[in-house]
Amino acid sequence: MSATPGLIVGSGYVKLGLQVVDSQAVDTPYGAASSPLLKAEIAGQPVLCIARHGEAQTIAPHEVNYRANVWALWEAGVRCCIGVNIVGAIAPDFEPGQLAIPDQLIDYTSGRQSSFGGTGGEVVHIEFSEPFDAELRGRLALALSACGQPVHHGIYGVTQGPRLETAAEIDRLERDGCAMVGMTAMPEAALARELGMAYAITALAVNHAAGRSPQGQSIHRQIDTNLELGRARLAALLERLIPDLAARTL
């Protein structure tokens, strides 16, 4: 098993401390991945990355070729993968600029290619009671705590996008128990499980979800304020986590 960890990130990956040393265009049985396979280093350790929205962030959440992205990493030897996701905070104690390690999810999306099986291939009914790998989540939590940051957990509600949610929709997600809302955790998590890839998410809150800002700030203004702070905290987390993942196998 390869000890090289994988990352699936959004745009702006250079600001996460990624030093890209090589890139390789990849094609898969499911089409082209969102970006080249980026061979990078974090804290001197190798890591393989895919930018899920493309290098220029031109791919909307519902348009991402999740199957190709996960397959490309798997084919390159990645057996443990961290999804880096931007979210809106719903839980009262989860503040913009902070990180969370979700332990559950609810999928509100539709129409996404969510399995490697079917359409003539073998149908796989994966066990998905716990959608994120427990050991990988534990390592994330330890690394986050070692950085002096609070460790938030909770349910990630996955919406279709690319538009942001209404306040009424966020009320519904809160009633369902969601602590955060984003657009990209599914079907990424399920596809990783189908392949047997250990997968967990570090979710960066950049805004209060719709109708939740205590100052009534617009969501885009909140994002502008909190994104750089959150990126610095995320970079610190990855610098501590990646050497640990590279030194051990799951």
C-alpha atoms as a PDB file:
ATOM      1  CA  MET A   1       0.000   0.000   0.000  1.00  0.00           C
ATOM      2  CA  SER A   2       1.288   3.432  -0.920  1.00  0.00           C
ATOM      3  CA  ALA A   3       2.023   5.681   2.051  1.00  0.00           C
ATOM      4  CA  THR A   4       1.573   8.769  -0.140  1.00  0.00           C
ATOM      5  CA  PRO A   5      -1.570  10.557   1.082  1.00  0.00           C
ATOM      6  CA  GLY A   6      -3.981  12.297  -1.239  1.00  0.00           C
ATOM      7  CA  LEU A   7      -5.808  15.606  -1.065  1.00  0.00           C
ATOM      8  CA  ILE A   8      -8.875  16.756  -2.957  1.00  0.00           C
ATOM      9  CA  VAL A   9      -8.837  20.532  -2.700  1.00  0.00           C
ATOM     10  CA  GLY A  10     -10.554  23.586  -4.049  1.00  0.00           C
ATOM     11  CA  SER A  11      -8.852  26.449  -5.818  1.00  0.00           C
ATOM     12  CA  GLY A  12      -6.095  28.448  -4.152  1.00  0.00           C
ATOM     13  CA  TYR A  13      -4.194  25.301  -3.207  1.00  0.00           C
ATOM     14  CA  VAL A  14      -0.857  27.117  -3.326  1.00  0.00           C
ATOM     15  CA  LYS A  15      -1.965  29.124  -0.269  1.00  0.00           C
ATOM     16  CA  LEU A  16      -2.342  25.871   1.663  1.00  0.00           C
ATOM     17  CA  GLY A  17       1.419  25.370   1.677  1.00  0.00           C
ATOM     18  CA  LEU A  18       1.390  23.060  -1.320  1.00  0.00           C
ATOM     19  CA  GLN A  19       4.599  23.239  -3.301  1.00  0.00           C
ATOM     20  CA  VAL A  20       3.687  21.640  -6.617  1.00  0.00           C
ATOM     21  CA  VAL A  21       6.752  19.929  -8.070  1.00  0.00           C
ATOM     22  CA  ASP A  22       5.096  18.184 -11.009  1.00  0.00           C
ATOM     23  CA  SER A  23       1.738  17.722 -12.678  1.00  0.00           C
ATOM     24  CA  GLN A  24       0.451  15.014 -14.941  1.00  0.00           C
ATOM     25  CA  ALA A  25      -2.685  15.059 -17.062  1.00  0.00           C
ATOM     26  CA  VAL A  26      -4.876  12.087 -16.222  1.00  0.00           C
ATOM     27  CA  ASP A  27      -7.671  10.331 -18.032  1.00  0.00           C
ATOM     28  CA  THR A  28      -9.759   7.603 -16.473  1.00  0.00           C
ATOM     29  CA  PRO A  29     -12.458   5.143 -17.517  1.00  0.00           C
ATOM     30  CA  TYR A  30     -14.850   7.835 -16.273  1.00  0.00           C
ATOM     31  CA  GLY A  31     -13.386  10.711 -18.269  1.00  0.00           C
ATOM     32  CA  ALA A  32     -10.903  13.430 -17.431  1.00  0.00           C
ATOM     33  CA  ALA A  33     -10.269  14.461 -13.846  1.00  0.00           C
ATOM     34  CA  SER A  34     -10.981  18.041 -12.807  1.00  0.00           C
ATOM     35  CA  SER A  35      -7.284  18.893 -12.842  1.00  0.00           C
ATOM     36  CA  PRO A  36      -3.955  17.284 -13.575  1.00  0.00           C
ATOM     37  CA  LEU A  37      -2.643  14.995 -10.878  1.00  0.00           C
ATOM     38  CA  LEU A  38      -0.573  17.455  -8.846  1.00  0.00           C
ATOM     39  CA  LYS A  39       2.526  16.057  -7.198  1.00  0.00           C
ATOM     40  CA  ALA A  40       3.213  18.350  -4.296  1.00  0.00           C
ATOM     41  CA  GLU A  41       5.045  18.629  -1.004  1.00  0.00           C
ATOM     42  CA  ILE A  42       3.808  19.681   2.414  1.00  0.00           C
ATOM     43  CA  ALA A  43       6.359  19.927   5.217  1.00  0.00           C
ATOM     44  CA  GLY A  44       8.817  18.140   2.940  1.00  0.00           C
ATOM     45  CA  GLN A  45       6.499  15.154   2.431  1.00  0.00           C
ATOM     46  CA  PRO A  46       5.007  14.059  -0.907  1.00  0.00           C
ATOM     47  CA  VAL A  47       1.282  14.323  -1.452  1.00  0.00           C
ATOM     48  CA  LEU A  48      -0.875  13.744  -4.533  1.00  0.00           C
ATOM     49  CA  CYS A  49      -3.653  16.263  -5.184  1.00  0.00           C
ATOM     50  CA  ILE A  50      -6.643  16.909  -7.380  1.00  0.00           C
ATOM     51  CA  ALA A  51      -8.227  20.380  -7.585  1.00  0.00           C
ATOM     52  CA  ARG A  52     -11.904  19.424  -7.686  1.00  0.00           C
ATOM     53  CA  HIS A  53     -13.117  22.668  -9.278  1.00  0.00           C
ATOM     54  CA  GLY A  54     -10.231  22.825 -11.748  1.00  0.00           C
ATOM     55  CA  GLU A  55      -7.068  24.847 -11.428  1.00  0.00           C
ATOM     56  CA  ALA A  56      -8.925  28.034 -12.398  1.00  0.00           C
ATOM     57  CA  GLN A  57     -12.106  27.148 -10.425  1.00  0.00           C
ATOM     58  CA  THR A  58     -14.298  26.826 -13.525  1.00  0.00           C
ATOM     59  CA  ILE A  59     -16.165  23.647 -12.538  1.00  0.00           C
ATOM     60  CA  ALA A  60     -19.346  24.079 -10.488  1.00  0.00           C
ATOM     61  CA  PRO A  61     -20.050  21.634  -7.638  1.00  0.00           C
ATOM     62  CA  HIS A  62     -22.748  19.755  -9.577  1.00  0.00           C
ATOM     63  CA  GLU A  63     -20.468  19.553 -12.638  1.00  0.00           C
ATOM     64  CA  VAL A  64     -17.440  18.003 -10.897  1.00  0.00           C
ATOM     65  CA  ASN A  65     -16.422  14.612 -12.292  1.00  0.00           C
ATOM     66  CA  TYR A  66     -16.180  13.060  -8.841  1.00  0.00           C
ATOM     67  CA  ARG A  67     -15.691   9.557 -10.229  1.00  0.00           C
ATOM     68  CA  ALA A  68     -12.697  10.574 -12.331  1.00  0.00           C
ATOM     69  CA  ASN A  69     -11.114  12.524  -9.468  1.00  0.00           C
ATOM     70  CA  VAL A  70     -11.326   9.691  -6.943  1.00  0.00           C
ATOM     71  CA  TRP A  71     -10.306   7.068  -9.508  1.00  0.00           C
ATOM     72  CA  ALA A  72      -7.257   9.091 -10.589  1.00  0.00           C
ATOM     73  CA  LEU A  73      -5.957   9.230  -7.020  1.00  0.00           C
ATOM     74  CA  TRP A  74      -6.673   5.545  -6.430  1.00  0.00           C
ATOM     75  CA  GLU A  75      -4.920   4.527  -9.649  1.00  0.00           C
ATOM     76  CA  ALA A  76      -1.894   6.612  -8.605  1.00  0.00           C
ATOM     77  CA  GLY A  77      -1.643   4.567  -5.395  1.00  0.00           C
ATOM     78  CA  VAL A  78      -3.429   6.816  -2.897  1.00  0.00           C
ATOM     79  CA  ARG A  79      -5.121   4.770  -0.181  1.00  0.00           C
ATOM     80  CA  CYS A  80      -5.899   7.543   2.308  1.00  0.00           C
ATOM     81  CA  CYS A  81      -7.357  10.857   1.210  1.00  0.00           C
ATOM     82  CA  ILE A  82      -8.373  14.113   2.861  1.00  0.00           C
ATOM     83  CA  GLY A  83     -11.122  16.193   1.312  1.00  0.00           C
ATOM     84  CA  VAL A  84     -10.633  19.910   1.931  1.00  0.00           C
ATOM     85  CA  ASN A  85     -14.069  21.516   1.839  1.00  0.00           C
ATOM     86  CA  ILE A  86     -15.410  25.037   2.279  1.00  0.00           C
ATOM     87  CA  VAL A  87     -18.637  25.192   4.313  1.00  0.00           C
ATOM     88  CA  GLY A  88     -21.103  27.533   5.895  1.00  0.00           C
ATOM     89  CA  ALA A  89     -21.488  27.252   9.667  1.00  0.00           C
ATOM     90  CA  ILE A  90     -24.897  26.335  11.094  1.00  0.00           C
ATOM     91  CA  ALA A  91     -24.108  25.131  14.629  1.00  0.00           C
ATOM     92  CA  PRO A  92     -23.992  28.062  17.083  1.00  0.00           C
ATOM     93  CA  ASP A  93     -20.545  27.110  18.433  1.00  0.00           C
ATOM     94  CA  PHE A  94     -18.981  26.703  14.974  1.00  0.00           C
ATOM     95  CA  GLU A  95     -17.540  30.051  13.920  1.00  0.00           C
ATOM     96  CA  PRO A  96     -16.314  31.231  10.514  1.00  0.00           C
ATOM     97  CA  GLY A  97     -12.543  30.809  10.279  1.00  0.00           C
ATOM     98  CA  GLN A  98     -12.678  27.569  12.283  1.00  0.00           C
ATOM     99  CA  LEU A  99     -12.225  23.983  11.087  1.00  0.00           C
ATOM    100  CA  ALA A 100     -14.456  20.975  11.616  1.00  0.00           C
ATOM    101  CA  ILE A 101     -14.060  17.256  11.093  1.00  0.00           C
ATOM    102  CA  PRO A 102     -17.544  16.057  10.168  1.00  0.00           C
ATOM    103  CA  ASP A 103     -18.574  12.632  11.414  1.00  0.00           C
ATOM    104  CA  GLN A 104     -21.813  12.264   9.457  1.00  0.00           C
ATOM    105  CA  LEU A 105     -23.498  13.657   6.352  1.00  0.00           C
ATOM    106  CA  ILE A 106     -26.915  14.082   4.782  1.00  0.00           C
ATOM    107  CA  ASP A 107     -27.027  14.172   0.990  1.00  0.00           C
ATOM    108  CA  TYR A 108     -29.505  16.678  -0.474  1.00  0.00           C
ATOM    109  CA  THR A 109     -28.013  16.543  -3.991  1.00  0.00           C
ATOM    110  CA  SER A 110     -29.516  14.994  -7.098  1.00  0.00           C
ATOM    111  CA  GLY A 111     -28.416  13.853 -10.530  1.00  0.00           C
ATOM    112  CA  ARG A 112     -24.743  13.309  -9.709  1.00  0.00           C
ATOM    113  CA  GLN A 113     -22.873  10.204 -10.872  1.00  0.00           C
ATOM    114  CA  SER A 114     -22.579   8.621  -7.450  1.00  0.00           C
ATOM    115  CA  SER A 115     -21.242   5.096  -8.084  1.00  0.00           C
ATOM    116  CA  PHE A 116     -18.641   3.274 -10.122  1.00  0.00           C
ATOM    117  CA  GLY A 117     -21.171   0.473 -10.605  1.00  0.00           C
ATOM    118  CA  GLY A 118     -24.435   0.185 -12.465  1.00  0.00           C
ATOM    119  CA  THR A 119     -25.212   0.811 -16.164  1.00  0.00           C
ATOM    120  CA  GLY A 120     -23.982  -2.633 -17.103  1.00  0.00           C
ATOM    121  CA  GLY A 121     -21.374  -2.895 -14.353  1.00  0.00           C
ATOM    122  CA  GLU A 122     -21.643  -4.675 -11.036  1.00  0.00           C
ATOM    123  CA  VAL A 123     -23.840  -2.863  -8.531  1.00  0.00           C
ATOM    124  CA  VAL A 124     -22.056  -2.366  -5.202  1.00  0.00           C
ATOM    125  CA  HIS A 125     -24.075  -1.757  -2.030  1.00  0.00           C
ATOM    126  CA  ILE A 126     -21.427  -0.238   0.216  1.00  0.00           C
ATOM    127  CA  GLU A 127     -21.722  -0.081   4.002  1.00  0.00           C
ATOM    128  CA  PHE A 128     -22.116   3.646   4.641  1.00  0.00           C
ATOM    129  CA  SER A 129     -23.449   3.915   8.181  1.00  0.00           C
ATOM    130  CA  GLU A 130     -20.265   5.811   9.075  1.00  0.00           C
ATOM    131  CA  PRO A 131     -19.354   7.733   5.910  1.00  0.00           C
ATOM    132  CA  PHE A 132     -15.888   8.861   7.049  1.00  0.00           C
ATOM    133  CA  ASP A 133     -12.954   6.697   8.080  1.00  0.00           C
ATOM    134  CA  ALA A 134     -12.761   6.671  11.882  1.00  0.00           C
ATOM    135  CA  GLU A 135      -8.983   6.335  12.165  1.00  0.00           C
ATOM    136  CA  LEU A 136      -8.329   9.098   9.664  1.00  0.00           C
ATOM    137  CA  ARG A 137     -10.806  11.350  11.447  1.00  0.00           C
ATOM    138  CA  GLY A 138      -8.950  10.641  14.691  1.00  0.00           C
ATOM    139  CA  ARG A 139      -5.634  11.647  13.177  1.00  0.00           C
ATOM    140  CA  LEU A 140      -7.181  14.842  11.876  1.00  0.00           C
ATOM    141  CA  ALA A 141      -8.563  15.644  15.321  1.00  0.00           C
ATOM    142  CA  LEU A 142      -5.210  15.030  17.017  1.00  0.00           C
ATOM    143  CA  ALA A 143      -3.399  17.231  14.494  1.00  0.00           C
ATOM    144  CA  LEU A 144      -5.969  20.001  14.833  1.00  0.00           C
ATOM    145  CA  SER A 145      -5.779  19.901  18.619  1.00  0.00           C
ATOM    146  CA  ALA A 146      -1.972  19.961  18.463  1.00  0.00           C
ATOM    147  CA  CYS A 147      -2.254  23.181  16.444  1.00  0.00           C
ATOM    148  CA  GLY A 148      -4.137  24.742  19.359  1.00  0.00           C
ATOM    149  CA  GLN A 149      -7.386  24.893  17.417  1.00  0.00           C
ATOM    150  CA  PRO A 150     -10.829  23.787  18.632  1.00  0.00           C
ATOM    151  CA  VAL A 151     -12.036  20.496  17.202  1.00  0.00           C
ATOM    152  CA  HIS A 152     -15.590  20.711  15.882  1.00  0.00           C
ATOM    153  CA  HIS A 153     -17.590  17.726  14.677  1.00  0.00           C
ATOM    154  CA  GLY A 154     -21.121  17.261  13.396  1.00  0.00           C
ATOM    155  CA  ILE A 155     -23.250  16.513  10.361  1.00  0.00           C
ATOM    156  CA  TYR A 156     -22.310  17.932   6.959  1.00  0.00           C
ATOM    157  CA  GLY A 157     -25.377  18.758   4.851  1.00  0.00           C
ATOM    158  CA  VAL A 158     -24.535  18.480   1.138  1.00  0.00           C
ATOM    159  CA  THR A 159     -26.559  20.773  -1.129  1.00  0.00           C
ATOM    160  CA  GLN A 160     -26.640  20.888  -4.910  1.00  0.00           C
ATOM    161  CA  GLY A 161     -25.264  24.364  -5.617  1.00  0.00           C
ATOM    162  CA  PRO A 162     -23.903  26.372  -7.178  1.00  0.00           C
ATOM    163  CA  ARG A 163     -26.284  28.879  -5.626  1.00  0.00           C
ATOM    164  CA  LEU A 164     -26.171  29.382  -1.890  1.00  0.00           C
ATOM    165  CA  GLU A 165     -29.081  28.286   0.266  1.00  0.00           C
ATOM    166  CA  THR A 166     -32.113  30.244   1.414  1.00  0.00           C
ATOM    167  CA  ALA A 167     -32.597  30.974   5.093  1.00  0.00           C
ATOM    168  CA  ALA A 168     -35.581  28.594   5.090  1.00  0.00           C
ATOM    169  CA  GLU A 169     -33.443  25.828   3.634  1.00  0.00           C
ATOM    170  CA  ILE A 170     -30.870  26.363   6.369  1.00  0.00           C
ATOM    171  CA  ASP A 171     -33.695  26.174   8.936  1.00  0.00           C
ATOM    172  CA  ARG A 172     -34.552  22.783   7.474  1.00  0.00           C
ATOM    173  CA  LEU A 173     -30.948  21.591   7.602  1.00  0.00           C
ATOM    174  CA  GLU A 174     -30.715  22.708  11.215  1.00  0.00           C
ATOM    175  CA  ARG A 175     -33.880  20.752  12.070  1.00  0.00           C
ATOM    176  CA  ASP A 176     -32.266  17.746  10.384  1.00  0.00           C
ATOM    177  CA  GLY A 177     -29.289  18.149  12.706  1.00  0.00           C
ATOM    178  CA  CYS A 178     -26.718  19.597  10.291  1.00  0.00           C
ATOM    179  CA  ALA A 179     -23.848  21.566  11.846  1.00  0.00           C
ATOM    180  CA  MET A 180     -22.523  22.820   8.504  1.00  0.00           C
ATOM    181  CA  VAL A 181     -23.504  23.065   4.861  1.00  0.00           C
ATOM    182  CA  GLY A 182     -21.396  22.551   1.744  1.00  0.00           C
ATOM    183  CA  MET A 183     -21.693  21.271  -1.807  1.00  0.00           C
ATOM    184  CA  THR A 184     -18.939  18.740  -2.450  1.00  0.00           C
ATOM    185  CA  ALA A 185     -18.789  15.967   0.171  1.00  0.00           C
ATOM    186  CA  MET A 186     -21.049  13.746  -1.915  1.00  0.00           C
ATOM    187  CA  PRO A 187     -20.616  11.636  -3.911  1.00  0.00           C
ATOM    188  CA  GLU A 188     -16.899  12.001  -3.136  1.00  0.00           C
ATOM    189  CA  ALA A 189     -17.167  10.150   0.192  1.00  0.00           C
ATOM    190  CA  ALA A 190     -19.230   7.302  -1.246  1.00  0.00           C
ATOM    191  CA  LEU A 191     -16.918   6.804  -4.214  1.00  0.00           C
ATOM    192  CA  ALA A 192     -13.897   6.597  -1.927  1.00  0.00           C
ATOM    193  CA  ARG A 193     -15.723   3.964   0.146  1.00  0.00           C
ATOM    194  CA  GLU A 194     -16.508   1.915  -2.976  1.00  0.00           C
ATOM    195  CA  LEU A 195     -12.790   1.687  -3.721  1.00  0.00           C
ATOM    196  CA  GLY A 196     -11.821   0.975  -0.124  1.00  0.00           C
ATOM    197  CA  MET A 197      -9.990   4.288   0.182  1.00  0.00           C
ATOM    198  CA  ALA A 198      -9.799   5.762   3.688  1.00  0.00           C
ATOM    199  CA  TYR A 199     -11.429   9.181   3.387  1.00  0.00           C
ATOM    200  CA  ALA A 200     -12.244  12.005   5.781  1.00  0.00           C
ATOM    201  CA  ILE A 201     -12.919  15.720   5.501  1.00  0.00           C
ATOM    202  CA  THR A 202     -11.524  18.844   7.072  1.00  0.00           C
ATOM    203  CA  ALA A 203     -14.212  21.485   6.617  1.00  0.00           C
ATOM    204  CA  LEU A 204     -13.303  25.164   6.735  1.00  0.00           C
ATOM    205  CA  ALA A 205     -16.162  27.495   7.698  1.00  0.00           C
ATOM    206  CA  VAL A 206     -15.912  30.786   5.848  1.00  0.00           C
ATOM    207  CA  ASN A 207     -19.350  32.204   6.652  1.00  0.00           C
ATOM    208  CA  HIS A 208     -22.421  31.823   8.783  1.00  0.00           C
ATOM    209  CA  ALA A 209     -25.047  29.976   6.768  1.00  0.00           C
ATOM    210  CA  ALA A 210     -27.966  31.953   5.332  1.00  0.00           C
ATOM    211  CA  GLY A 211     -29.924  33.810   7.975  1.00  0.00           C
ATOM    212  CA  ARG A 212     -27.393  33.011  10.709  1.00  0.00           C
ATOM    213  CA  SER A 213     -25.007  35.984  10.666  1.00  0.00           C
ATOM    214  CA  PRO A 214     -25.319  37.798  14.027  1.00  0.00           C
ATOM    215  CA  GLN A 215     -24.306  41.088  12.404  1.00  0.00           C
ATOM    216  CA  GLY A 216     -26.449  40.593   9.322  1.00  0.00           C
ATOM    217  CA  GLN A 217     -23.387  40.648   7.064  1.00  0.00           C
ATOM    218  CA  SER A 218     -23.759  39.384   3.516  1.00  0.00           C
ATOM    219  CA  ILE A 219     -22.317  35.938   2.951  1.00  0.00           C
ATOM    220  CA  HIS A 220     -19.810  37.131   0.359  1.00  0.00           C
ATOM    221  CA  ARG A 221     -18.486  39.809   2.707  1.00  0.00           C
ATOM    222  CA  GLN A 222     -18.069  37.163   5.411  1.00  0.00           C
ATOM    223  CA  ILE A 223     -16.151  34.948   2.986  1.00  0.00           C
ATOM    224  CA  ASP A 224     -13.783  37.777   2.102  1.00  0.00           C
ATOM    225  CA  THR A 225     -13.136  38.392   5.799  1.00  0.00           C
ATOM    226  CA  ASN A 226     -12.655  34.809   6.937  1.00  0.00           C
ATOM    227  CA  LEU A 227     -11.046  32.986   4.025  1.00  0.00           C
ATOM    228  CA  GLU A 228      -7.442  34.034   4.616  1.00  0.00           C
ATOM    229  CA  LEU A 229      -7.630  33.350   8.359  1.00  0.00           C
ATOM    230  CA  GLY A 230      -9.091  29.935   7.672  1.00  0.00           C
ATOM    231  CA  ARG A 231      -6.503  29.110   5.043  1.00  0.00           C
ATOM    232  CA  ALA A 232      -3.682  29.862   7.463  1.00  0.00           C
ATOM    233  CA  ARG A 233      -5.208  27.517  10.039  1.00  0.00           C
ATOM    234  CA  LEU A 234      -5.791  24.857   7.392  1.00  0.00           C
ATOM    235  CA  ALA A 235      -2.199  25.129   6.175  1.00  0.00           C
ATOM    236  CA  ALA A 236      -0.942  24.663   9.741  1.00  0.00           C
ATOM    237  CA  LEU A 237      -3.130  21.584  10.130  1.00  0.00           C
ATOM    238  CA  LEU A 238      -1.848  20.012   6.908  1.00  0.00           C
ATOM    239  CA  GLU A 239       1.780  20.707   7.824  1.00  0.00           C
ATOM    240  CA  ARG A 240       1.271  18.716  11.005  1.00  0.00           C
ATOM    241  CA  LEU A 241      -0.955  16.002   9.528  1.00  0.00           C
ATOM    242  CA  ILE A 242       0.756  15.046   6.260  1.00  0.00           C
ATOM    243  CA  PRO A 243       4.074  13.842   7.768  1.00  0.00           C
ATOM    244  CA  ASP A 244       2.043  11.647  10.146  1.00  0.00           C
ATOM    245  CA  LEU A 245       0.054  10.133   7.263  1.00  0.00           C
ATOM    246  CA  ALA A 246       3.174   9.642   5.161  1.00  0.00           C
ATOM    247  CA  ALA A 247       4.920   7.810   8.000  1.00  0.00           C
ATOM    248  CA  ARG A 248       2.135   5.329   8.594  1.00  0.00           C
ATOM    249  CA  THR A 249      -0.335   3.330   6.555  1.00  0.00           C
ATOM    250  CA  LEU A 250      -3.978   2.832   7.408  1.00  0.00           C
END
